[in-house]
Protein backbone atom coordinates (compact mmCIF):
# COMPACT_ATOMS: atom_id res chain seq x y z
CA MET A 1 -33.54 -65.23 2.50
CA ARG A 2 -32.77 -61.67 1.66
CA ILE A 3 -29.52 -60.55 3.62
CA SER A 4 -27.51 -56.97 3.96
CA ALA A 5 -24.15 -55.99 2.45
CA ALA A 6 -22.71 -56.61 5.97
CA GLU A 7 -24.41 -60.27 6.18
CA ALA A 8 -22.90 -61.02 2.64
CA ARG A 9 -19.42 -60.27 3.51
CA ARG A 10 -19.65 -61.91 6.90
CA LEU A 11 -21.03 -65.28 5.20
CA ALA A 12 -18.40 -64.85 2.18
CA ALA A 13 -15.87 -64.81 4.92
CA ARG A 14 -16.38 -67.97 6.52
CA GLY A 15 -16.46 -69.53 2.84
CA ALA A 16 -19.90 -68.95 1.24
CA LEU A 17 -20.09 -68.78 -2.31
CA VAL A 18 -21.04 -65.37 -3.89
CA LEU A 19 -22.59 -66.03 -7.07
CA ASP A 20 -23.13 -63.50 -9.75
CA VAL A 21 -26.17 -64.54 -11.82
CA ARG A 22 -26.21 -61.19 -14.27
CA THR A 23 -24.93 -62.09 -18.20
CA PRO A 24 -21.04 -62.53 -18.70
CA GLN A 25 -21.24 -58.99 -20.10
CA GLU A 26 -22.27 -57.13 -16.98
CA TYR A 27 -20.24 -59.30 -14.79
CA GLY A 28 -17.33 -57.79 -16.81
CA ASP A 29 -18.65 -54.84 -16.12
CA GLY A 30 -17.84 -54.77 -12.32
CA HIS A 31 -18.82 -57.55 -9.73
CA LEU A 32 -18.58 -58.20 -5.92
CA PRO A 33 -15.10 -58.97 -4.79
CA GLY A 34 -14.40 -62.79 -5.28
CA ALA A 35 -17.81 -63.65 -7.12
CA VAL A 36 -18.20 -66.37 -9.78
CA ASN A 37 -20.62 -65.97 -12.97
CA LEU A 38 -23.17 -68.07 -13.58
CA PRO A 39 -25.91 -66.57 -15.69
CA LEU A 40 -29.59 -67.30 -14.63
CA SER A 41 -29.98 -68.97 -17.95
CA ALA A 42 -27.27 -71.33 -17.14
CA ILE A 43 -28.48 -72.13 -13.65
CA THR A 44 -29.18 -75.61 -14.25
CA GLN A 45 -25.42 -76.06 -14.26
CA ALA A 46 -25.04 -74.70 -10.50
CA ARG A 47 -23.74 -78.60 -9.22
CA GLN A 48 -20.67 -78.11 -11.23
CA VAL A 49 -20.02 -74.59 -10.10
CA ILE A 50 -21.26 -74.73 -6.69
CA GLY A 51 -20.60 -78.45 -5.61
CA SER A 52 -21.92 -79.60 -2.37
CA THR A 53 -25.64 -78.70 -1.18
CA ASP A 54 -24.09 -78.05 2.02
CA ARG A 55 -22.29 -75.08 0.70
CA PRO A 56 -23.99 -71.60 1.56
CA VAL A 57 -24.58 -69.46 -1.45
CA ILE A 58 -24.93 -65.59 -1.60
CA VAL A 59 -27.10 -64.55 -5.11
CA TYR A 60 -27.01 -61.33 -6.52
CA CYS A 61 -27.88 -59.52 -9.98
CA ARG A 62 -28.41 -56.23 -11.32
CA SER A 63 -32.09 -55.11 -10.00
CA GLY A 64 -33.07 -58.24 -7.94
CA ALA A 65 -35.52 -60.15 -10.01
CA ARG A 66 -32.95 -62.74 -11.16
CA SER A 67 -31.26 -63.63 -7.95
CA ALA A 68 -34.67 -64.09 -6.37
CA ARG A 69 -35.32 -66.58 -9.36
CA ALA A 70 -31.67 -68.09 -9.07
CA ALA A 71 -32.32 -68.57 -5.01
CA ALA A 72 -35.80 -70.18 -5.67
CA VAL A 73 -34.32 -72.51 -7.94
CA LEU A 74 -30.98 -73.33 -6.05
CA THR A 75 -33.47 -74.10 -3.10
CA ALA A 76 -35.38 -76.27 -4.86
CA GLY A 77 -32.47 -78.29 -6.15
CA GLY A 78 -31.55 -79.28 -2.68
CA TRP A 79 -29.05 -76.10 -1.39
CA ARG A 80 -29.86 -75.75 2.10
CA GLN A 81 -28.35 -72.46 2.48
CA VAL A 82 -29.10 -69.93 -0.18
CA CYS A 83 -28.98 -66.12 0.82
CA ASP A 84 -30.10 -63.38 -2.02
CA LEU A 85 -28.50 -60.10 -1.39
CA GLY A 86 -30.85 -58.88 -4.37
CA GLY A 87 -29.61 -56.37 -6.74
CA LEU A 88 -26.23 -54.59 -6.96
CA SER A 89 -27.45 -51.59 -5.21
CA ASN A 90 -27.65 -53.14 -1.90
CA TRP A 91 -24.00 -53.70 -1.72
CA ASP A 92 -21.95 -50.71 -0.54
CA GLY A 93 -18.59 -51.78 -1.10
CA PRO A 94 -16.53 -51.78 -4.04
CA LEU A 95 -16.39 -53.80 -7.28
CA GLU A 96 -13.89 -56.00 -8.76
CA PRO A 97 -13.30 -55.48 -12.63
């Protein structure tokens, strides 16, 4: 499910995990507040990073392609609440370094 920046903030405030599926270098250049980096290439390790399949997850990337793929993989893996912010251009707030 695609969501807006406002919805992402609301979900994150309620305990959703914000998952940045870009490369570590991209993540290091700036990421959403509180985001955890799990590159799409390592998405098979999601259970170790996210934990319970009941935990809501928000995914994002640079343009939206990787986040869409990550959302599909997570949903297929049993996560029930996966939200896709898409690309960083959909975020309207500050980034953490």
